[in-house]
PDB file of N, CA and C in Angstrom:
ATOM      1  N   UNK A   1      93.526 112.753  79.260  1.00  0.00           N
ATOM      2  CA  UNK A   1      92.688 113.524  79.831  1.00  0.00           C
ATOM      3  C   UNK A   1      92.875 112.708  81.456  1.00  0.00           C
ATOM      4  N   UNK A   2      92.896 113.546  82.260  1.00  0.00           N
ATOM      5  CA  UNK A   2      93.306 113.042  83.706  1.00  0.00           C
ATOM      6  C   UNK A   2      92.094 113.438  84.460  1.00  0.00           C
ATOM      7  N   UNK A   3      92.057 112.653  84.826  1.00  0.00           N
ATOM      8  CA  UNK A   3      90.402 112.816  86.306  1.00  0.00           C
ATOM      9  C   UNK A   3      91.368 113.151  87.525  1.00  0.00           C
ATOM     10  N   UNK A   4      90.652 113.369  88.736  1.00  0.00           N
ATOM     11  CA  UNK A   4      90.924 113.851  90.110  1.00  0.00           C
ATOM     12  C   UNK A   4      90.096 113.046  90.889  1.00  0.00           C
ATOM     13  N   UNK A   5      91.064 112.143  91.876  1.00  0.00           N
ATOM     14  CA  UNK A   5      89.864 111.463  93.119  1.00  0.00           C
ATOM     15  C   UNK A   5      90.294 111.325  94.091  1.00  0.00           C
ATOM     16  N   UNK A   6      89.673 111.165  95.148  1.00  0.00           N
ATOM     17  CA  UNK A   6      89.783 110.786  96.411  1.00  0.00           C
ATOM     18  C   UNK A   6      89.375 109.804  96.977  1.00  0.00           C
ATOM     19  N   UNK A   7      89.632 108.971  97.895  1.00  0.00           N
ATOM     20  CA  UNK A   7      89.161 107.728  98.471  1.00  0.00           C
ATOM     21  C   UNK A   7      89.266 107.340  99.575  1.00  0.00           C
ATOM     22  N   UNK A   8      87.839 107.759 101.036  1.00  0.00           N
ATOM     23  CA  UNK A   8      88.367 107.578 101.870  1.00  0.00           C
ATOM     24  C   UNK A   8      89.053 106.003 102.338  1.00  0.00           C
ATOM     25  N   UNK A   9      88.514 105.300 101.421  1.00  0.00           N
ATOM     26  CA  UNK A   9      89.179 103.701 101.854  1.00  0.00           C
ATOM     27  C   UNK A   9      90.048 103.882 102.011  1.00  0.00           C
ATOM     28  N   UNK A  10      91.440 105.026 101.616  1.00  0.00           N
ATOM     29  CA  UNK A  10      92.778 104.957 101.352  1.00  0.00           C
ATOM     30  C   UNK A  10      93.401 105.701 102.932  1.00  0.00           C
ATOM     31  N   UNK A  11      92.092 105.676 104.079  1.00  0.00           N
ATOM     32  CA  UNK A  11      92.599 106.910 105.151  1.00  0.00           C
ATOM     33  C   UNK A  11      91.640 106.159 106.158  1.00  0.00           C
ATOM     34  N   UNK A  12      92.011 105.099 106.494  1.00  0.00           N
ATOM     35  CA  UNK A  12      90.873 104.770 107.935  1.00  0.00           C
ATOM     36  C   UNK A  12      90.458 105.146 108.770  1.00  0.00           C
ATOM     37  N   UNK A  13      89.476 104.849 108.925  1.00  0.00           N
ATOM     38  CA  UNK A  13      88.556 105.693 110.214  1.00  0.00           C
ATOM     39  C   UNK A  13      88.063 104.616 111.049  1.00  0.00           C
ATOM     40  N   UNK A  14      87.365 105.320 112.358  1.00  0.00           N
ATOM     41  CA  UNK A  14      86.381 104.244 112.883  1.00  0.00           C
ATOM     42  C   UNK A  14      85.148 104.077 112.079  1.00  0.00           C
ATOM     43  N   UNK A  15      84.836 104.831 111.661  1.00  0.00           N
ATOM     44  CA  UNK A  15      83.549 104.511 109.970  1.00  0.00           C
ATOM     45  C   UNK A  15      83.375 103.646 109.519  1.00  0.00           C
ATOM     46  N   UNK A  16      84.717 103.903 108.983  1.00  0.00           N
ATOM     47  CA  UNK A  16      84.995 102.875 108.118  1.00  0.00           C
ATOM     48  C   UNK A  16      84.501 103.213 106.614  1.00  0.00           C
ATOM     49  N   UNK A  17      84.454 104.561 106.348  1.00  0.00           N
ATOM     50  CA  UNK A  17      83.630 104.994 104.913  1.00  0.00           C
ATOM     51  C   UNK A  17      84.496 104.796 103.725  1.00  0.00           C
ATOM     52  N   UNK A  18      83.710 104.419 102.986  1.00  0.00           N
ATOM     53  CA  UNK A  18      83.693 103.198 101.740  1.00  0.00           C
ATOM     54  C   UNK A  18      83.541 104.511 100.330  1.00  0.00           C
ATOM     55  N   UNK A  19      83.359 106.108 100.826  1.00  0.00           N
ATOM     56  CA  UNK A  19      82.986 106.470  99.472  1.00  0.00           C
ATOM     57  C   UNK A  19      84.616 107.377  98.763  1.00  0.00           C
ATOM     58  N   UNK A  20      84.213 107.043  97.410  1.00  0.00           N
ATOM     59  CA  UNK A  20      85.067 107.752  96.437  1.00  0.00           C
ATOM     60  C   UNK A  20      84.425 108.628  95.601  1.00  0.00           C
ATOM     61  N   UNK A  21      85.105 109.553  95.220  1.00  0.00           N
ATOM     62  CA  UNK A  21      84.881 110.642  94.773  1.00  0.00           C
ATOM     63  C   UNK A  21      86.063 111.152  93.426  1.00  0.00           C
ATOM     64  N   UNK A  22      85.397 111.691  92.554  1.00  0.00           N
ATOM     65  CA  UNK A  22      86.033 112.200  91.220  1.00  0.00           C
ATOM     66  C   UNK A  22      85.632 113.582  90.524  1.00  0.00           C
ATOM     67  N   UNK A  23      86.118 114.075  89.771  1.00  0.00           N
ATOM     68  CA  UNK A  23      85.723 115.373  89.279  1.00  0.00           C
ATOM     69  C   UNK A  23      87.045 115.302  88.160  1.00  0.00           C
ATOM     70  N   UNK A  24      86.396 116.186  87.047  1.00  0.00           N
ATOM     71  CA  UNK A  24      87.756 116.654  85.912  1.00  0.00           C
ATOM     72  C   UNK A  24      88.440 117.624  86.732  1.00  0.00           C
ATOM     73  N   UNK A  25      88.057 118.834  87.114  1.00  0.00           N
ATOM     74  CA  UNK A  25      88.832 119.624  88.043  1.00  0.00           C
ATOM     75  C   UNK A  25      89.492 119.611  89.603  1.00  0.00           C
ATOM     76  N   UNK A  26      90.138 120.134  89.999  1.00  0.00           N
ATOM     77  CA  UNK A  26      90.425 120.134  91.397  1.00  0.00           C
ATOM     78  C   UNK A  26      89.224 120.716  92.197  1.00  0.00           C
ATOM     79  N   UNK A  27      88.886 121.804  91.579  1.00  0.00           N
ATOM     80  CA  UNK A  27      87.741 122.875  92.673  1.00  0.00           C
ATOM     81  C   UNK A  27      86.829 122.384  92.739  1.00  0.00           C
ATOM     82  N   UNK A  28      86.125 121.592  91.807  1.00  0.00           N
ATOM     83  CA  UNK A  28      85.132 120.687  91.787  1.00  0.00           C
ATOM     84  C   UNK A  28      85.284 119.462  92.973  1.00  0.00           C
ATOM     85  N   UNK A  29      86.191 119.316  92.678  1.00  0.00           N
ATOM     86  CA  UNK A  29      86.475 118.047  93.800  1.00  0.00           C
ATOM     87  C   UNK A  29      86.542 118.381  95.079  1.00  0.00           C
ATOM     88  N   UNK A  30      87.311 119.344  95.422  1.00  0.00           N
ATOM     89  CA  UNK A  30      87.843 120.080  96.300  1.00  0.00           C
ATOM     90  C   UNK A  30      86.312 120.340  97.297  1.00  0.00           C
ATOM     91  N   UNK A  31      85.365 121.136  96.322  1.00  0.00           N
ATOM     92  CA  UNK A  31      84.397 121.390  97.302  1.00  0.00           C
ATOM     93  C   UNK A  31      83.685 119.946  97.894  1.00  0.00           C
ATOM     94  N   UNK A  32      83.354 119.203  96.991  1.00  0.00           N
ATOM     95  CA  UNK A  32      82.514 118.019  97.009  1.00  0.00           C
ATOM     96  C   UNK A  32      83.353 117.085  98.388  1.00  0.00           C
ATOM     97  N   UNK A  33      84.608 117.372  98.404  1.00  0.00           N
ATOM     98  CA  UNK A  33      85.225 116.449  99.390  1.00  0.00           C
ATOM     99  C   UNK A  33      85.192 116.847 100.346  1.00  0.00           C
ATOM    100  N   UNK A  34      84.996 118.479 100.475  1.00  0.00           N
ATOM    101  CA  UNK A  34      85.177 119.503 102.162  1.00  0.00           C
ATOM    102  C   UNK A  34      83.764 119.139 102.562  1.00  0.00           C
ATOM    103  N   UNK A  35      82.763 118.956 101.613  1.00  0.00           N
ATOM    104  CA  UNK A  35      81.397 118.924 101.800  1.00  0.00           C
ATOM    105  C   UNK A  35      81.179 117.549 102.672  1.00  0.00           C
ATOM    106  N   UNK A  36      81.961 116.398 102.120  1.00  0.00           N
ATOM    107  CA  UNK A  36      81.557 115.037 102.652  1.00  0.00           C
ATOM    108  C   UNK A  36      82.518 115.261 104.389  1.00  0.00           C
ATOM    109  N   UNK A  37      83.921 115.272 104.279  1.00  0.00           N
ATOM    110  CA  UNK A  37      84.290 115.801 105.807  1.00  0.00           C
ATOM    111  C   UNK A  37      83.796 116.263 106.546  1.00  0.00           C
ATOM    112  N   UNK A  38      83.394 117.461 105.948  1.00  0.00           N
ATOM    113  CA  UNK A  38      82.136 118.063 107.226  1.00  0.00           C
ATOM    114  C   UNK A  38      80.973 117.548 107.494  1.00  0.00           C
ATOM    115  N   UNK A  39      80.189 117.279 106.941  1.00  0.00           N
ATOM    116  CA  UNK A  39      79.174 116.535 107.450  1.00  0.00           C
ATOM    117  C   UNK A  39      79.366 115.123 107.698  1.00  0.00           C
ATOM    118  N   UNK A  40      79.949 114.426 107.009  1.00  0.00           N
ATOM    119  CA  UNK A  40      80.006 112.713 107.699  1.00  0.00           C
ATOM    120  C   UNK A  40      81.362 112.699 108.493  1.00  0.00           C
ATOM    121  N   UNK A  41      82.297 113.177 108.401  1.00  0.00           N
ATOM    122  CA  UNK A  41      83.298 113.120 108.974  1.00  0.00           C
ATOM    123  C   UNK A  41      83.398 114.113 110.577  1.00  0.00           C
ATOM    124  N   UNK A  42      82.844 114.940 110.583  1.00  0.00           N
ATOM    125  CA  UNK A  42      82.650 116.002 111.508  1.00  0.00           C
ATOM    126  C   UNK A  42      83.923 116.845 111.427  1.00  0.00           C
ATOM    127  N   UNK A  43      84.665 117.241 110.367  1.00  0.00           N
ATOM    128  CA  UNK A  43      85.807 118.071 110.207  1.00  0.00           C
ATOM    129  C   UNK A  43      84.907 119.413 110.488  1.00  0.00           C
ATOM    130  N   UNK A  44      85.640 120.341 110.309  1.00  0.00           N
ATOM    131  CA  UNK A  44      85.359 121.641 110.188  1.00  0.00           C
ATOM    132  C   UNK A  44      86.090 122.471 109.189  1.00  0.00           C
ATOM    133  N   UNK A  45      85.308 123.227 108.215  1.00  0.00           N
ATOM    134  CA  UNK A  45      85.972 123.517 106.829  1.00  0.00           C
ATOM    135  C   UNK A  45      87.345 124.866 107.363  1.00  0.00           C
ATOM    136  N   UNK A  46      88.471 124.326 107.321  1.00  0.00           N
ATOM    137  CA  UNK A  46      89.457 125.175 107.010  1.00  0.00           C
ATOM    138  C   UNK A  46      90.399 125.310 106.465  1.00  0.00           C
ATOM    139  N   UNK A  47      91.174 126.274 106.368  1.00  0.00           N
ATOM    140  CA  UNK A  47      92.357 126.309 105.083  1.00  0.00           C
ATOM    141  C   UNK A  47      92.729 125.385 104.923  1.00  0.00           C
ATOM    142  N   UNK A  48      93.367 124.612 106.646  1.00  0.00           N
ATOM    143  CA  UNK A  48      94.415 124.119 106.824  1.00  0.00           C
ATOM    144  C   UNK A  48      93.259 121.961 106.160  1.00  0.00           C
ATOM    145  N   UNK A  49      92.247 122.307 106.460  1.00  0.00           N
ATOM    146  CA  UNK A  49      91.641 120.695 106.370  1.00  0.00           C
ATOM    147  C   UNK A  49      91.603 121.006 104.329  1.00  0.00           C
ATOM    148  N   UNK A  50      91.082 122.132 103.746  1.00  0.00           N
ATOM    149  CA  UNK A  50      91.087 122.190 102.255  1.00  0.00           C
ATOM    150  C   UNK A  50      92.690 121.897 101.428  1.00  0.00           C
ATOM    151  N   UNK A  51      93.607 121.974 102.282  1.00  0.00           N
ATOM    152  CA  UNK A  51      94.993 121.619 102.205  1.00  0.00           C
ATOM    153  C   UNK A  51      95.162 120.558 101.944  1.00  0.00           C
ATOM    154  N   UNK A  52      94.804 119.494 103.505  1.00  0.00           N
ATOM    155  CA  UNK A  52      95.046 118.451 103.421  1.00  0.00           C
ATOM    156  C   UNK A  52      93.972 117.598 102.359  1.00  0.00           C
ATOM    157  N   UNK A  53      92.973 117.562 102.079  1.00  0.00           N
ATOM    158  CA  UNK A  53      92.664 117.068 100.844  1.00  0.00           C
ATOM    159  C   UNK A  53      92.954 117.418  99.603  1.00  0.00           C
ATOM    160  N   UNK A  54      93.131 118.594  99.560  1.00  0.00           N
ATOM    161  CA  UNK A  54      94.161 118.600  98.183  1.00  0.00           C
ATOM    162  C   UNK A  54      95.525 117.741  98.074  1.00  0.00           C
ATOM    163  N   UNK A  55      96.060 117.571  99.089  1.00  0.00           N
ATOM    164  CA  UNK A  55      97.136 116.474  99.344  1.00  0.00           C
ATOM    165  C   UNK A  55      97.002 115.283  98.884  1.00  0.00           C
ATOM    166  N   UNK A  56      96.082 114.786  99.038  1.00  0.00           N
ATOM    167  CA  UNK A  56      95.258 113.517  99.064  1.00  0.00           C
ATOM    168  C   UNK A  56      94.543 113.056  97.716  1.00  0.00           C
ATOM    169  N   UNK A  57      94.853 114.012  96.919  1.00  0.00           N
ATOM    170  CA  UNK A  57      93.661 113.616  95.382  1.00  0.00           C
ATOM    171  C   UNK A  57      94.829 113.408  94.738  1.00  0.00           C
ATOM    172  N   UNK A  58      94.254 112.571  94.130  1.00  0.00           N
ATOM    173  CA  UNK A  58      95.197 111.271  93.126  1.00  0.00           C
ATOM    174  C   UNK A  58      94.790 111.781  91.634  1.00  0.00           C
ATOM    175  N   UNK A  59      95.307 111.187  90.389  1.00  0.00           N
ATOM    176  CA  UNK A  59      94.791 111.614  89.214  1.00  0.00           C
ATOM    177  C   UNK A  59      95.260 110.379  88.175  1.00  0.00           C
ATOM    178  N   UNK A  60      94.285 110.252  87.393  1.00  0.00           N
ATOM    179  CA  UNK A  60      93.878 109.069  87.058  1.00  0.00           C
ATOM    180  C   UNK A  60      93.547 108.950  85.597  1.00  0.00           C
ATOM    181  N   UNK A  61      94.552 108.540  84.528  1.00  0.00           N
ATOM    182  CA  UNK A  61      94.140 109.090  82.960  1.00  0.00           C
ATOM    183  C   UNK A  61      93.114 108.109  82.652  1.00  0.00           C
ATOM    184  N   UNK A  62      92.599 108.711  81.987  1.00  0.00           N
ATOM    185  CA  UNK A  62      91.013 108.212  81.177  1.00  0.00           C
ATOM    186  C   UNK A  62      91.321 107.571  79.769  1.00  0.00           C
ATOM    187  N   UNK A  63      90.732 106.411  79.690  1.00  0.00           N
ATOM    188  CA  UNK A  63      90.955 105.808  77.963  1.00  0.00           C
ATOM    189  C   UNK A  63      90.435 106.226  77.148  1.00  0.00           C
ATOM    190  N   UNK A  64      90.592 106.708  76.037  1.00  0.00           N
ATOM    191  CA  UNK A  64      89.642 107.321  75.287  1.00  0.00           C
ATOM    192  C   UNK A  64      88.887 106.232  74.925  1.00  0.00           C
ATOM    193  N   UNK A  65      87.883 106.330  74.056  1.00  0.00           N
ATOM    194  CA  UNK A  65      87.207 105.084  73.600  1.00  0.00           C
ATOM    195  C   UNK A  65      87.198 105.184  72.358  1.00  0.00           C
ATOM    196  N   UNK A  66      87.340 103.935  71.885  1.00  0.00           N
ATOM    197  CA  UNK A  66      88.111 102.959  70.484  1.00  0.00           C
ATOM    198  C   UNK A  66      86.770 103.226  69.372  1.00  0.00           C
TER     199      UNK A  66
END
């Protein structure tokens, strides 16, 4: 099973944000990332912002417990 994540540290800014977020669904992660971008980084919630954030998502495969 793959999990989606986004990490602010991969996109340096003046505030040196270190927040990392993950979720099982892209929709859930997108909503959290948009809220963070708007409230912390001062962005405006636009279709362009949402598309840019989606493009920053990465996937990681979860290991199954033994």
